Amino acid sequence: MDETILKLKQWISESGNIVFFGGAGVSTESGIPDFRSVDGLYSQQWKYPPETILSHSFFEKNPEEYYRFHRAKLVIDGVKPNRAHLRLAELEREGKLRAVVTQNIDGLHQAAGSKNVLELHGSIQRAYCSRCRRPYPAERMNRGEGVPRCGCGGVIRPDIVLYEEPLNEDVVSRAIKYIKEAEVLIIGGTSLNVYPAAGLINYYRGSHLALVNLSETPYDSYADLVIHEKIGGVFSRV
């Protein structure tokens, strides 16, 4: 077994205070495309740039086009948790992993069995009325055609953080607390280029910082351990 994998395995076995911070790369092995890779959503042709479609102002002005994109690109049928999701849930059950902090909106960590998941960007598994805030099943939003509407006439929207919207303050404060208090912080499947989420790792004060990502990140030089491999393969060995 690779020396870096052995070291990560040792850190995990010796710690009861691990926090995982993850991004799109955690879910790509489940068949969900990331946004910034060569094959990601940002490199595909669409009537508007994805950054524009996924903005608050665009959603308000053109919900029809938003939902056409949402159902075509954000809702993917048949996806299941992969080895990374499953191992993280297992570590939580073992009392080692305190929290998963994720930038993903797919709900796969919960599907794998993780309980304490802090979703920085929300989830497409939840929906609510943009006018009266009434919660709705995600099916009302993720299936069908046209713009889903509440009984009050408001547009039903996904419980995700669109561009131009702030992150949820409570989720952020809880994420900071877990990261600040963690002994071992494992960062996986993220380019660490998306702020303010990426900036949360600056709060880490623990002993072992591991970074698992296929490509280099701006934080590689700060990590105690860097593994440039697919995260599912790594977690299947630890």
C-alpha atoms as a PDB file:
ATOM      1  CA  MET A   1       0.000   0.000   0.000  1.00  0.00           C
ATOM      2  CA  ASP A   2       1.209   3.499  -0.851  1.00  0.00           C
ATOM      3  CA  GLU A   3       3.021   5.278   1.996  1.00  0.00           C
ATOM      4  CA  THR A   4       0.668   8.285   1.852  1.00  0.00           C
ATOM      5  CA  ILE A   5      -2.394   6.025   2.109  1.00  0.00           C
ATOM      6  CA  LEU A   6      -0.843   4.232   5.077  1.00  0.00           C
ATOM      7  CA  LYS A   7      -0.230   7.539   6.825  1.00  0.00           C
ATOM      8  CA  LEU A   8      -3.806   8.693   6.261  1.00  0.00           C
ATOM      9  CA  LYS A   9      -5.086   5.323   7.485  1.00  0.00           C
ATOM     10  CA  GLN A  10      -2.970   5.697  10.629  1.00  0.00           C
ATOM     11  CA  TRP A  11      -4.279   9.214  11.316  1.00  0.00           C
ATOM     12  CA  ILE A  12      -7.847   7.949  10.967  1.00  0.00           C
ATOM     13  CA  SER A  13      -7.274   4.935  13.216  1.00  0.00           C
ATOM     14  CA  GLU A  14      -5.716   7.079  15.952  1.00  0.00           C
ATOM     15  CA  SER A  15      -8.234   9.936  15.957  1.00  0.00           C
ATOM     16  CA  GLY A  16     -11.729  10.364  17.324  1.00  0.00           C
ATOM     17  CA  ASN A  17     -12.099  13.915  16.064  1.00  0.00           C
ATOM     18  CA  ILE A  18     -12.053  13.943  12.262  1.00  0.00           C
ATOM     19  CA  VAL A  19     -13.836  16.417  10.011  1.00  0.00           C
ATOM     20  CA  PHE A  20     -14.250  15.974   6.266  1.00  0.00           C
ATOM     21  CA  PHE A  21     -14.546  18.956   3.916  1.00  0.00           C
ATOM     22  CA  GLY A  22     -15.580  17.973   0.399  1.00  0.00           C
ATOM     23  CA  GLY A  23     -16.530  19.262  -3.015  1.00  0.00           C
ATOM     24  CA  ALA A  24     -17.770  18.126  -6.412  1.00  0.00           C
ATOM     25  CA  GLY A  25     -15.038  15.517  -6.860  1.00  0.00           C
ATOM     26  CA  VAL A  26     -16.619  13.433  -4.111  1.00  0.00           C
ATOM     27  CA  SER A  27     -19.698  12.860  -6.278  1.00  0.00           C
ATOM     28  CA  THR A  28     -18.186  12.568  -9.750  1.00  0.00           C
ATOM     29  CA  GLU A  29     -17.543   8.847  -9.159  1.00  0.00           C
ATOM     30  CA  SER A  30     -21.298   8.495  -8.619  1.00  0.00           C
ATOM     31  CA  GLY A  31     -21.898   9.928 -12.094  1.00  0.00           C
ATOM     32  CA  ILE A  32     -22.590  13.530 -11.149  1.00  0.00           C
ATOM     33  CA  PRO A  33     -20.507  15.916 -13.302  1.00  0.00           C
ATOM     34  CA  ASP A  34     -18.600  18.655 -11.553  1.00  0.00           C
ATOM     35  CA  PHE A  35     -18.805  22.257 -12.679  1.00  0.00           C
ATOM     36  CA  ARG A  36     -15.255  23.127 -13.591  1.00  0.00           C
ATOM     37  CA  SER A  37     -13.600  20.059 -15.093  1.00  0.00           C
ATOM     38  CA  VAL A  38     -13.143  19.623 -18.839  1.00  0.00           C
ATOM     39  CA  ASP A  39     -16.382  17.627 -18.979  1.00  0.00           C
ATOM     40  CA  GLY A  40     -18.161  19.669 -16.312  1.00  0.00           C
ATOM     41  CA  LEU A  41     -21.266  21.800 -16.663  1.00  0.00           C
ATOM     42  CA  TYR A  42     -19.278  24.980 -17.143  1.00  0.00           C
ATOM     43  CA  SER A  43     -17.714  23.664 -20.355  1.00  0.00           C
ATOM     44  CA  GLN A  44     -21.003  22.565 -21.952  1.00  0.00           C
ATOM     45  CA  GLN A  45     -22.955  24.656 -24.393  1.00  0.00           C
ATOM     46  CA  TRP A  46     -26.197  26.210 -23.134  1.00  0.00           C
ATOM     47  CA  LYS A  47     -28.328  29.199 -24.076  1.00  0.00           C
ATOM     48  CA  TYR A  48     -26.895  31.100 -21.097  1.00  0.00           C
ATOM     49  CA  PRO A  49     -23.735  30.445 -19.053  1.00  0.00           C
ATOM     50  CA  PRO A  50     -24.494  28.144 -16.086  1.00  0.00           C
ATOM     51  CA  GLU A  51     -23.249  30.847 -13.694  1.00  0.00           C
ATOM     52  CA  THR A  52     -25.971  33.129 -15.055  1.00  0.00           C
ATOM     53  CA  ILE A  53     -28.738  30.526 -14.951  1.00  0.00           C
ATOM     54  CA  LEU A  54     -27.831  29.571 -11.379  1.00  0.00           C
ATOM     55  CA  SER A  55     -28.040  33.149 -10.115  1.00  0.00           C
ATOM     56  CA  HIS A  56     -30.741  34.666  -7.926  1.00  0.00           C
ATOM     57  CA  SER A  57     -31.544  37.428 -10.387  1.00  0.00           C
ATOM     58  CA  PHE A  58     -31.918  34.991 -13.307  1.00  0.00           C
ATOM     59  CA  PHE A  59     -34.185  32.717 -11.256  1.00  0.00           C
ATOM     60  CA  GLU A  60     -36.385  35.686 -10.382  1.00  0.00           C
ATOM     61  CA  LYS A  61     -36.613  36.977 -13.962  1.00  0.00           C
ATOM     62  CA  ASN A  62     -36.647  33.727 -15.941  1.00  0.00           C
ATOM     63  CA  PRO A  63     -37.801  30.768 -13.815  1.00  0.00           C
ATOM     64  CA  GLU A  64     -38.909  28.856 -16.928  1.00  0.00           C
ATOM     65  CA  GLU A  65     -35.380  28.734 -18.328  1.00  0.00           C
ATOM     66  CA  TYR A  66     -33.946  28.061 -14.879  1.00  0.00           C
ATOM     67  CA  TYR A  67     -36.146  25.000 -14.442  1.00  0.00           C
ATOM     68  CA  ARG A  68     -35.349  23.718 -17.904  1.00  0.00           C
ATOM     69  CA  PHE A  69     -31.685  23.751 -16.907  1.00  0.00           C
ATOM     70  CA  HIS A  70     -32.356  22.478 -13.384  1.00  0.00           C
ATOM     71  CA  ARG A  71     -34.194  19.341 -14.541  1.00  0.00           C
ATOM     72  CA  ALA A  72     -31.790  18.663 -17.394  1.00  0.00           C
ATOM     73  CA  LYS A  73     -28.499  19.175 -15.563  1.00  0.00           C
ATOM     74  CA  LEU A  74     -28.929  19.181 -11.789  1.00  0.00           C
ATOM     75  CA  VAL A  75     -31.360  16.263 -11.406  1.00  0.00           C
ATOM     76  CA  ILE A  76     -29.638  12.991 -12.284  1.00  0.00           C
ATOM     77  CA  ASP A  77     -31.570   9.731 -11.955  1.00  0.00           C
ATOM     78  CA  GLY A  78     -30.125   6.544 -10.520  1.00  0.00           C
ATOM     79  CA  VAL A  79     -27.117   8.037  -8.747  1.00  0.00           C
ATOM     80  CA  LYS A  80     -25.940   6.216  -5.645  1.00  0.00           C
ATOM     81  CA  PRO A  81     -23.331   6.952  -2.971  1.00  0.00           C
ATOM     82  CA  ASN A  82     -19.848   5.798  -3.884  1.00  0.00           C
ATOM     83  CA  ARG A  83     -17.027   4.376  -1.773  1.00  0.00           C
ATOM     84  CA  ALA A  84     -16.089   7.788  -0.351  1.00  0.00           C
ATOM     85  CA  HIS A  85     -19.638   8.557   0.824  1.00  0.00           C
ATOM     86  CA  LEU A  86     -20.022   5.080   2.321  1.00  0.00           C
ATOM     87  CA  ARG A  87     -16.685   5.097   4.155  1.00  0.00           C
ATOM     88  CA  LEU A  88     -17.367   8.536   5.632  1.00  0.00           C
ATOM     89  CA  ALA A  89     -20.720   7.330   6.948  1.00  0.00           C
ATOM     90  CA  GLU A  90     -18.964   4.303   8.408  1.00  0.00           C
ATOM     91  CA  LEU A  91     -16.392   6.502  10.165  1.00  0.00           C
ATOM     92  CA  GLU A  92     -19.210   8.526  11.695  1.00  0.00           C
ATOM     93  CA  ARG A  93     -20.860   5.356  13.013  1.00  0.00           C
ATOM     94  CA  GLU A  94     -17.496   4.315  14.481  1.00  0.00           C
ATOM     95  CA  GLY A  95     -17.392   7.582  16.422  1.00  0.00           C
ATOM     96  CA  LYS A  96     -14.386   8.922  14.537  1.00  0.00           C
ATOM     97  CA  LEU A  97     -15.907  11.437  12.137  1.00  0.00           C
ATOM     98  CA  ARG A  98     -17.571  14.430  13.790  1.00  0.00           C
ATOM     99  CA  ALA A  99     -18.980  16.142  10.698  1.00  0.00           C
ATOM    100  CA  VAL A 100     -19.075  16.270   6.912  1.00  0.00           C
ATOM    101  CA  VAL A 101     -18.865  19.789   5.507  1.00  0.00           C
ATOM    102  CA  THR A 102     -19.864  19.684   1.846  1.00  0.00           C
ATOM    103  CA  GLN A 103     -20.223  22.077  -1.061  1.00  0.00           C
ATOM    104  CA  ASN A 104     -22.384  19.522  -2.905  1.00  0.00           C
ATOM    105  CA  ILE A 105     -26.153  19.783  -3.248  1.00  0.00           C
ATOM    106  CA  ASP A 106     -26.940  16.169  -4.218  1.00  0.00           C
ATOM    107  CA  GLY A 107     -27.737  14.672  -0.797  1.00  0.00           C
ATOM    108  CA  LEU A 108     -25.518  11.625  -1.373  1.00  0.00           C
ATOM    109  CA  HIS A 109     -23.813  11.862   2.023  1.00  0.00           C
ATOM    110  CA  GLN A 110     -27.189  11.457   3.730  1.00  0.00           C
ATOM    111  CA  ALA A 111     -28.119   8.675   1.301  1.00  0.00           C
ATOM    112  CA  ALA A 112     -24.959   6.848   2.407  1.00  0.00           C
ATOM    113  CA  GLY A 113     -25.994   7.144   6.048  1.00  0.00           C
ATOM    114  CA  SER A 114     -24.136  10.219   7.287  1.00  0.00           C
ATOM    115  CA  LYS A 115     -26.126  12.119   9.905  1.00  0.00           C
ATOM    116  CA  ASN A 116     -24.153  15.272  10.673  1.00  0.00           C
ATOM    117  CA  VAL A 117     -23.839  16.841   7.209  1.00  0.00           C
ATOM    118  CA  LEU A 118     -23.361  20.587   6.870  1.00  0.00           C
ATOM    119  CA  GLU A 119     -24.464  21.585   3.365  1.00  0.00           C
ATOM    120  CA  LEU A 120     -22.825  24.916   2.605  1.00  0.00           C
ATOM    121  CA  HIS A 121     -24.722  25.307  -0.664  1.00  0.00           C
ATOM    122  CA  GLY A 122     -27.986  23.621   0.340  1.00  0.00           C
ATOM    123  CA  SER A 123     -29.658  20.648  -1.343  1.00  0.00           C
ATOM    124  CA  ILE A 124     -31.848  19.919  -4.366  1.00  0.00           C
ATOM    125  CA  GLN A 125     -33.496  17.309  -2.161  1.00  0.00           C
ATOM    126  CA  ARG A 126     -35.445  20.124  -0.475  1.00  0.00           C
ATOM    127  CA  ALA A 127     -37.722  22.830  -1.866  1.00  0.00           C
ATOM    128  CA  TYR A 128     -39.773  25.725  -0.546  1.00  0.00           C
ATOM    129  CA  CYS A 129     -41.976  28.575  -1.756  1.00  0.00           C
ATOM    130  CA  SER A 130     -39.949  31.686  -2.530  1.00  0.00           C
ATOM    131  CA  ARG A 131     -42.857  33.848  -1.332  1.00  0.00           C
ATOM    132  CA  CYS A 132     -44.369  32.232   1.803  1.00  0.00           C
ATOM    133  CA  ARG A 133     -41.459  29.830   2.605  1.00  0.00           C
ATOM    134  CA  ARG A 134     -43.756  26.793   2.790  1.00  0.00           C
ATOM    135  CA  PRO A 135     -41.663  23.602   2.400  1.00  0.00           C
ATOM    136  CA  TYR A 136     -42.396  21.250  -0.499  1.00  0.00           C
ATOM    137  CA  PRO A 137     -41.257  17.760  -1.523  1.00  0.00           C
ATOM    138  CA  ALA A 138     -38.374  17.947  -3.965  1.00  0.00           C
ATOM    139  CA  GLU A 139     -40.436  16.004  -6.494  1.00  0.00           C
ATOM    140  CA  ARG A 140     -42.633  19.059  -7.038  1.00  0.00           C
ATOM    141  CA  MET A 141     -39.556  20.870  -8.291  1.00  0.00           C
ATOM    142  CA  ASN A 142     -37.375  18.169  -9.814  1.00  0.00           C
ATOM    143  CA  ARG A 143     -40.073  16.478 -11.946  1.00  0.00           C
ATOM    144  CA  GLY A 144     -42.654  17.640 -14.415  1.00  0.00           C
ATOM    145  CA  GLU A 145     -42.583  20.633 -16.719  1.00  0.00           C
ATOM    146  CA  GLY A 146     -42.839  24.371 -16.378  1.00  0.00           C
ATOM    147  CA  VAL A 147     -42.522  26.422 -13.213  1.00  0.00           C
ATOM    148  CA  PRO A 148     -43.802  24.777 -10.007  1.00  0.00           C
ATOM    149  CA  ARG A 149     -45.949  27.106  -7.940  1.00  0.00           C
ATOM    150  CA  CYS A 150     -47.215  27.209  -4.392  1.00  0.00           C
ATOM    151  CA  GLY A 151     -50.888  27.628  -3.467  1.00  0.00           C
ATOM    152  CA  CYS A 152     -50.073  31.261  -2.629  1.00  0.00           C
ATOM    153  CA  GLY A 153     -48.882  31.819  -6.204  1.00  0.00           C
ATOM    154  CA  GLY A 154     -45.200  31.993  -5.357  1.00  0.00           C
ATOM    155  CA  VAL A 155     -42.561  30.071  -7.301  1.00  0.00           C
ATOM    156  CA  ILE A 156     -41.304  26.902  -5.608  1.00  0.00           C
ATOM    157  CA  ARG A 157     -37.525  26.969  -5.544  1.00  0.00           C
ATOM    158  CA  PRO A 158     -34.701  24.614  -4.569  1.00  0.00           C
ATOM    159  CA  ASP A 159     -33.201  24.993  -1.111  1.00  0.00           C
ATOM    160  CA  ILE A 160     -29.805  25.776  -2.608  1.00  0.00           C
ATOM    161  CA  VAL A 161     -27.598  28.839  -2.456  1.00  0.00           C
ATOM    162  CA  LEU A 162     -27.774  30.516  -5.847  1.00  0.00           C
ATOM    163  CA  TYR A 163     -25.132  32.921  -7.081  1.00  0.00           C
ATOM    164  CA  GLU A 164     -25.662  36.392  -5.565  1.00  0.00           C
ATOM    165  CA  GLU A 165     -27.072  34.806  -2.395  1.00  0.00           C
ATOM    166  CA  PRO A 166     -25.196  34.519   0.913  1.00  0.00           C
ATOM    167  CA  LEU A 167     -24.389  31.233   2.573  1.00  0.00           C
ATOM    168  CA  ASN A 168     -26.566  30.231   5.510  1.00  0.00           C
ATOM    169  CA  GLU A 169     -24.981  31.865   8.568  1.00  0.00           C
ATOM    170  CA  ASP A 170     -25.902  29.041  10.942  1.00  0.00           C
ATOM    171  CA  VAL A 171     -24.437  26.360   8.664  1.00  0.00           C
ATOM    172  CA  VAL A 172     -21.252  28.389   8.199  1.00  0.00           C
ATOM    173  CA  SER A 173     -20.797  29.025  11.926  1.00  0.00           C
ATOM    174  CA  ARG A 174     -21.276  25.331  12.702  1.00  0.00           C
ATOM    175  CA  ALA A 175     -18.826  24.361   9.957  1.00  0.00           C
ATOM    176  CA  ILE A 176     -16.244  26.777  11.347  1.00  0.00           C
ATOM    177  CA  LYS A 177     -16.676  25.335  14.837  1.00  0.00           C
ATOM    178  CA  TYR A 178     -16.149  21.756  13.683  1.00  0.00           C
ATOM    179  CA  ILE A 179     -13.165  22.662  11.490  1.00  0.00           C
ATOM    180  CA  LYS A 180     -11.555  24.781  14.213  1.00  0.00           C
ATOM    181  CA  GLU A 181     -11.903  22.002  16.794  1.00  0.00           C
ATOM    182  CA  ALA A 182     -10.905  19.078  14.527  1.00  0.00           C
ATOM    183  CA  GLU A 183      -7.768  17.076  15.196  1.00  0.00           C
ATOM    184  CA  VAL A 184      -7.694  15.660  11.660  1.00  0.00           C
ATOM    185  CA  LEU A 185      -9.120  17.585   8.695  1.00  0.00           C
ATOM    186  CA  ILE A 186      -9.497  15.682   5.439  1.00  0.00           C
ATOM    187  CA  ILE A 187     -10.227  17.814   2.392  1.00  0.00           C
ATOM    188  CA  GLY A 188     -11.380  15.885  -0.643  1.00  0.00           C
ATOM    189  CA  GLY A 189     -12.649  16.363  -4.177  1.00  0.00           C
ATOM    190  CA  THR A 190     -12.440  20.139  -4.280  1.00  0.00           C
ATOM    191  CA  SER A 191     -10.281  22.621  -6.185  1.00  0.00           C
ATOM    192  CA  LEU A 192     -10.513  25.018  -3.209  1.00  0.00           C
ATOM    193  CA  ASN A 193     -11.162  27.853  -5.640  1.00  0.00           C
ATOM    194  CA  VAL A 194     -14.778  28.588  -4.637  1.00  0.00           C
ATOM    195  CA  TYR A 195     -15.139  31.236  -1.965  1.00  0.00           C
ATOM    196  CA  PRO A 196     -16.302  31.847   0.690  1.00  0.00           C
ATOM    197  CA  ALA A 197     -16.548  28.070   1.208  1.00  0.00           C
ATOM    198  CA  ALA A 198     -12.862  27.366   0.513  1.00  0.00           C
ATOM    199  CA  GLY A 199     -11.831  30.004   3.039  1.00  0.00           C
ATOM    200  CA  LEU A 200     -13.310  27.959   5.888  1.00  0.00           C
ATOM    201  CA  ILE A 201     -10.257  25.714   6.024  1.00  0.00           C
ATOM    202  CA  ASN A 202      -8.218  28.693   7.239  1.00  0.00           C
ATOM    203  CA  TYR A 203      -9.892  28.152  10.619  1.00  0.00           C
ATOM    204  CA  TYR A 204      -8.237  24.753  11.045  1.00  0.00           C
ATOM    205  CA  ARG A 205      -5.847  24.528  14.021  1.00  0.00           C
ATOM    206  CA  GLY A 206      -5.422  20.753  14.351  1.00  0.00           C
ATOM    207  CA  SER A 207      -2.578  18.275  13.967  1.00  0.00           C
ATOM    208  CA  HIS A 208      -3.052  16.612  10.580  1.00  0.00           C
ATOM    209  CA  LEU A 209      -4.336  18.217   7.374  1.00  0.00           C
ATOM    210  CA  ALA A 210      -4.811  15.785   4.471  1.00  0.00           C
ATOM    211  CA  LEU A 211      -5.750  16.900   0.970  1.00  0.00           C
ATOM    212  CA  VAL A 212      -7.124  14.366  -1.517  1.00  0.00           C
ATOM    213  CA  ASN A 213      -7.803  15.691  -5.022  1.00  0.00           C
ATOM    214  CA  LEU A 214      -6.974  14.627  -8.574  1.00  0.00           C
ATOM    215  CA  SER A 215      -5.402  17.972  -9.446  1.00  0.00           C
ATOM    216  CA  GLU A 216      -3.279  20.440  -7.513  1.00  0.00           C
ATOM    217  CA  THR A 217      -4.959  23.073  -5.333  1.00  0.00           C
ATOM    218  CA  PRO A 218      -3.828  26.433  -3.967  1.00  0.00           C
ATOM    219  CA  TYR A 219      -3.565  24.793  -0.521  1.00  0.00           C
ATOM    220  CA  ASP A 220      -1.324  21.827  -1.402  1.00  0.00           C
ATOM    221  CA  SER A 221       1.711  23.464   0.198  1.00  0.00           C
ATOM    222  CA  TYR A 222      -0.179  23.950   3.478  1.00  0.00           C
ATOM    223  CA  ALA A 223      -1.243  20.306   3.825  1.00  0.00           C
ATOM    224  CA  ASP A 224       0.640  17.711   5.867  1.00  0.00           C
ATOM    225  CA  LEU A 225      -0.349  15.057   3.360  1.00  0.00           C
ATOM    226  CA  VAL A 226      -1.327  15.440  -0.318  1.00  0.00           C
ATOM    227  CA  ILE A 227      -2.785  12.604  -2.391  1.00  0.00           C
ATOM    228  CA  HIS A 228      -3.542  13.233  -6.068  1.00  0.00           C
ATOM    229  CA  GLU A 229      -5.912  10.332  -6.690  1.00  0.00           C
ATOM    230  CA  LYS A 230      -9.632   9.689  -7.065  1.00  0.00           C
ATOM    231  CA  ILE A 231     -11.174  10.050  -3.648  1.00  0.00           C
ATOM    232  CA  GLY A 232     -13.289   6.897  -3.873  1.00  0.00           C
ATOM    233  CA  GLY A 233     -10.204   4.797  -4.467  1.00  0.00           C
ATOM    234  CA  VAL A 234      -8.436   6.414  -1.537  1.00  0.00           C
ATOM    235  CA  PHE A 235     -11.301   5.906   0.902  1.00  0.00           C
ATOM    236  CA  SER A 236     -11.720   2.275  -0.137  1.00  0.00           C
ATOM    237  CA  ARG A 237      -8.206   1.720   1.276  1.00  0.00           C
ATOM    238  CA  VAL A 238      -8.496   3.593   4.578  1.00  0.00           C
END
